[in-house]
Protein backbone atom coordinates (compact mmCIF):
# COMPACT_ATOMS: atom_id res chain seq x y z
CA MET A 1 0.00 0.01 0.00
CA SER A 2 2.90 2.32 -0.61
CA THR A 3 2.42 5.70 -2.36
CA LEU A 4 3.37 5.34 -5.98
CA ASP A 5 6.17 7.49 -7.31
CA THR A 6 4.79 8.50 -10.69
CA VAL A 7 7.59 10.98 -11.29
CA SER A 8 10.16 8.37 -12.28
CA GLY A 9 8.21 7.03 -15.21
CA ASN A 10 5.19 7.53 -17.47
CA VAL A 11 1.94 6.46 -15.81
CA VAL A 12 0.68 3.36 -17.58
CA ALA A 13 -2.90 4.62 -17.78
CA TYR A 14 -1.78 7.28 -20.31
CA ALA A 15 0.28 4.89 -22.41
CA PRO A 16 -0.90 3.36 -25.72
CA ALA A 17 -3.20 0.35 -25.46
CA GLU A 18 -0.50 -2.16 -26.40
CA VAL A 19 1.86 -0.78 -23.73
CA ARG A 20 -0.91 -0.92 -21.08
CA GLY A 21 -1.75 -4.48 -22.06
CA ALA A 22 1.88 -5.58 -21.89
CA PHE A 23 2.34 -3.93 -18.51
CA VAL A 24 -0.76 -5.61 -17.01
CA ARG A 25 0.31 -9.00 -18.35
CA ARG A 26 3.79 -8.58 -16.93
CA ALA A 27 2.47 -7.48 -13.54
CA TYR A 28 0.07 -10.46 -13.27
CA LEU A 29 2.75 -12.91 -14.48
CA HIS A 30 5.15 -11.62 -11.85
CA ALA A 31 2.51 -12.11 -9.15
CA ILE A 32 1.96 -15.66 -10.37
CA GLY A 33 5.72 -16.20 -10.44
CA GLY A 34 5.89 -15.06 -6.83
CA ILE A 35 3.23 -17.61 -5.87
CA VAL A 36 5.02 -20.41 -7.76
CA GLY A 37 8.35 -19.43 -6.15
CA PHE A 38 6.78 -19.37 -2.72
CA ALA A 39 5.32 -22.83 -3.20
CA ALA A 40 8.64 -24.15 -4.46
CA ILE A 41 10.56 -22.78 -1.50
CA GLU A 42 8.06 -24.27 0.95
CA TRP A 43 8.31 -27.63 -0.72
CA TYR A 44 12.09 -27.48 -0.50
CA LEU A 45 12.13 -26.39 3.20
CA PHE A 46 9.80 -29.21 4.28
CA SER A 47 11.22 -31.91 2.03
CA SER A 48 14.84 -31.14 3.04
CA GLY A 49 14.14 -30.96 6.74
CA LEU A 50 15.18 -27.31 6.99
CA ALA A 51 11.69 -26.38 8.10
CA LEU A 52 12.27 -27.92 11.56
CA PRO A 53 15.12 -25.61 12.67
CA ILE A 54 13.27 -22.64 11.21
CA LEU A 55 10.17 -23.69 13.15
CA GLU A 56 12.14 -24.06 16.38
CA THR A 57 13.79 -20.65 15.95
CA LEU A 58 10.62 -18.75 15.15
CA MET A 59 8.57 -20.45 17.83
CA ALA A 60 11.20 -19.74 20.46
CA GLY A 61 9.65 -16.30 20.64
CA SER A 62 6.00 -15.21 20.68
CA TRP A 63 3.70 -16.51 17.91
CA LEU A 64 2.12 -13.06 17.81
CA LEU A 65 5.52 -11.58 17.05
CA VAL A 66 5.65 -13.88 14.03
CA LEU A 67 2.31 -12.42 12.94
CA GLY A 68 3.64 -8.93 13.30
CA GLY A 69 6.84 -9.87 11.46
CA PHE A 70 4.77 -11.14 8.57
CA LEU A 71 3.09 -7.78 8.16
CA LEU A 72 6.30 -5.85 8.68
CA VAL A 73 8.32 -7.84 6.09
CA SER A 74 5.61 -7.30 3.49
CA TRP A 75 5.56 -3.57 4.16
CA ILE A 76 9.33 -3.08 4.09
CA ALA A 77 9.90 -5.03 0.91
CA THR A 78 7.11 -3.39 -1.07
CA HIS A 79 8.12 0.06 0.28
CA VAL A 80 11.62 -0.52 -1.11
CA ALA A 81 10.41 -1.86 -4.44
CA HIS A 82 8.21 1.17 -5.07
CA ARG A 83 11.11 3.55 -4.56
CA VAL A 84 13.86 2.02 -6.74
CA ARG A 85 14.05 2.62 -10.48
CA SER A 86 16.44 -0.23 -11.22
CA VAL A 87 14.62 -3.35 -12.51
CA PRO A 88 17.30 -5.69 -11.00
CA ALA A 89 16.83 -3.96 -7.65
CA GLN A 90 13.06 -4.50 -7.89
CA TYR A 91 13.69 -8.20 -8.63
CA ALA A 92 16.05 -8.38 -5.61
CA ALA A 93 13.38 -6.91 -3.36
CA PHE A 94 10.77 -9.26 -4.80
CA ALA A 95 13.01 -12.29 -4.25
CA ALA A 96 13.71 -11.17 -0.71
CA LEU A 97 10.01 -10.83 -0.01
CA VAL A 98 9.17 -14.28 -1.37
CA VAL A 99 11.97 -15.94 0.64
CA ALA A 100 11.09 -14.06 3.84
CA GLU A 101 7.38 -14.87 3.58
CA ALA A 102 8.18 -18.53 2.89
CA ILE A 103 10.26 -18.65 6.04
CA ILE A 104 7.67 -16.84 8.11
CA PHE A 105 4.94 -19.18 6.88
CA VAL A 106 6.80 -22.29 8.12
CA PRO A 107 5.24 -22.36 11.63
CA LEU A 108 1.71 -21.84 10.36
CA LEU A 109 2.08 -24.52 7.67
CA ALA A 110 3.68 -26.95 10.14
CA MET A 111 0.84 -26.45 12.60
CA ALA A 112 -1.70 -26.97 9.82
CA MET A 113 -0.05 -30.20 8.66
CA ILE A 114 -0.14 -31.57 12.22
CA LYS A 115 -3.50 -30.31 13.48
CA ALA A 116 -5.62 -30.23 10.28
CA PRO A 117 -4.31 -32.39 7.42
CA GLY A 118 -5.65 -31.23 4.06
CA VAL A 119 -6.58 -27.75 5.26
CA ILE A 120 -3.61 -26.15 3.46
CA GLU A 121 -4.92 -27.21 0.03
CA SER A 122 -8.42 -26.04 0.89
CA ALA A 123 -7.16 -22.65 2.08
CA ALA A 124 -4.97 -22.30 -1.03
CA TRP A 125 -7.91 -22.96 -3.36
CA VAL A 126 -10.21 -20.53 -1.50
CA THR A 127 -7.50 -17.87 -1.56
CA LEU A 128 -6.80 -18.30 -5.28
CA MET A 129 -10.51 -18.28 -6.16
CA GLY A 130 -11.16 -15.24 -3.97
CA ALA A 131 -8.14 -13.33 -5.29
CA THR A 132 -8.99 -14.17 -8.90
CA GLY A 133 -12.57 -13.00 -8.40
CA LEU A 134 -11.42 -9.71 -6.96
CA ILE A 135 -8.89 -9.16 -9.73
CA VAL A 136 -11.57 -9.87 -12.36
CA VAL A 137 -13.98 -7.41 -10.70
CA ALA A 138 -11.36 -4.66 -10.65
CA THR A 139 -10.27 -5.40 -14.27
CA VAL A 140 -13.73 -5.74 -15.82
CA THR A 141 -15.28 -2.72 -14.07
CA GLY A 142 -12.18 -0.59 -14.63
CA LYS A 143 -13.04 1.24 -11.41
CA ASP A 144 -10.32 3.22 -9.68
CA PHE A 145 -10.05 1.87 -6.11
CA SER A 146 -7.40 4.31 -5.04
CA PHE A 147 -9.83 5.69 -2.42
CA LEU A 148 -9.06 2.49 -0.45
CA ARG A 149 -5.52 3.66 0.28
CA GLY A 150 -6.47 5.59 3.43
CA ILE A 151 -8.62 2.75 4.70
CA LEU A 152 -5.82 0.24 4.12
CA MET A 153 -3.26 2.44 5.83
CA TRP A 154 -5.42 2.82 8.94
CA GLY A 155 -6.41 -0.85 8.83
CA GLY A 156 -2.77 -1.90 8.73
CA VAL A 157 -1.90 0.34 11.68
CA LEU A 158 -4.86 -1.00 13.64
CA ALA A 159 -3.83 -4.59 12.89
CA LEU A 160 -0.30 -3.95 14.13
CA VAL A 161 -1.63 -2.25 17.24
CA ALA A 162 -3.88 -5.20 17.93
CA ILE A 163 -0.97 -7.64 17.56
CA VAL A 164 1.39 -5.58 19.70
CA SER A 165 -1.33 -5.15 22.35
CA ALA A 166 -1.94 -8.90 22.38
CA VAL A 167 1.76 -9.49 22.94
CA LEU A 168 2.01 -6.92 25.73
CA PHE A 169 -1.20 -7.75 27.54
CA GLY A 170 -1.44 -11.47 26.85
CA PHE A 171 -4.81 -11.74 25.18
CA GLU A 172 -5.69 -13.84 22.13
CA ILE A 173 -6.63 -12.52 18.70
CA GLY A 174 -8.95 -15.14 17.36
CA THR A 175 -11.50 -15.86 14.67
CA TRP A 176 -12.90 -12.37 14.21
CA PHE A 177 -9.46 -10.90 13.74
CA SER A 178 -8.78 -13.45 10.96
CA VAL A 179 -12.10 -12.63 9.29
CA ALA A 180 -11.33 -8.88 9.49
CA MET A 181 -7.82 -9.43 8.02
CA ILE A 182 -9.29 -11.53 5.14
CA GLY A 183 -11.47 -8.53 4.31
CA PHE A 184 -8.46 -6.28 4.62
CA ALA A 185 -6.51 -8.45 2.21
CA GLY A 186 -9.44 -8.49 -0.24
CA ALA A 187 -9.52 -4.69 -0.21
CA ALA A 188 -5.75 -4.63 -0.76
CA ILE A 189 -6.11 -6.90 -3.83
CA LEU A 190 -8.75 -4.57 -5.29
CA TYR A 191 -6.45 -1.63 -4.57
CA ASP A 192 -3.36 -3.27 -6.02
CA THR A 193 -5.22 -4.32 -9.22
CA SER A 194 -6.59 -0.84 -9.61
CA ASN A 195 -3.10 0.59 -9.30
CA ILE A 196 -1.83 -1.85 -11.92
CA LEU A 197 -4.53 -0.58 -14.30
CA HIS A 198 -4.35 3.13 -13.53
CA HIS A 199 -1.43 4.41 -11.50
CA TYR A 200 1.85 2.52 -11.86
CA PRO A 201 4.68 3.97 -13.99
CA GLU A 202 5.59 1.80 -16.98
CA ASP A 203 8.90 0.74 -15.41
CA ARG A 204 7.35 -0.69 -12.19
CA TYR A 205 5.75 -3.91 -13.42
CA VAL A 206 7.96 -5.95 -11.01
CA ALA A 207 6.89 -3.83 -8.06
CA ALA A 208 3.30 -4.10 -9.21
CA GLY A 209 3.42 -7.88 -9.33
CA MET A 210 5.20 -7.91 -6.01
CA GLN A 211 2.54 -5.81 -4.30
CA LEU A 212 -0.25 -8.04 -5.62
CA PHE A 213 1.65 -11.15 -4.50
CA ALA A 214 2.04 -9.74 -0.99
CA SER A 215 -1.68 -9.07 -0.72
CA ILE A 216 -2.55 -12.60 -1.95
CA ALA A 217 -0.10 -14.08 0.55
CA LEU A 218 -1.73 -12.03 3.29
CA MET A 219 -5.13 -13.40 2.33
CA PHE A 220 -3.78 -16.96 2.31
CA TRP A 221 -2.26 -16.51 5.73
CA TYR A 222 -5.56 -15.51 7.36
CA VAL A 223 -7.75 -17.87 5.37
CA LEU A 224 -5.50 -20.71 6.62
CA ARG A 225 -5.70 -19.42 10.20
CA LEU A 226 -9.46 -19.17 9.93
CA PHE A 227 -9.74 -22.72 8.56
CA MET A 228 -7.48 -24.02 11.32
CA SER A 229 -9.59 -22.38 14.03
CA ARG A 230 -12.60 -24.36 12.77
CA ASP A 231 -10.91 -27.74 13.05
């Protein structure tokens, strides 16, 4: 949800149709590439046994701190990607985000495998269907959802405050928090897709795909937590 720097490049909304089409395809393909890369890293971590030491390290602290770290990593990486002009630097930020999120996801995925076998696949399908539906809505309607920026900023701050408060005062953030965060992630996907169609500079297709990937990963995280709470 970073502010887009439209000074460093021509805004894609004002580009010729073929340029806009190519930009949108590149952005979506990069988001898909991030998802595939994330899945491949998770497969490697669990099949190689590296997931266990990662799990032990992350769970040595507070689980709620892991939740906060997930939000913070997403914000830092996308913040960096939106402010660099170099395409290789954007790719480096994207790769760092995918690896960091794959590592942070390890405890949640491990808990899901143990407590609710099969729930990961269900949560993944629901997330992909939900995200695809939202992307289609934003694309077909062509509506500018930039008005969601303020809501998402405040929502993100409130989410972090809730997590920090839970750590400090020892209360649980349960089902309703997950539901609220799924709604937050859905709004973020609409906002990201709208920016891809209307507001990104032509040279930021990597950052655009990265932002969309981060929002889809956020939705998957909380859909999975919600599904686990029901089992």
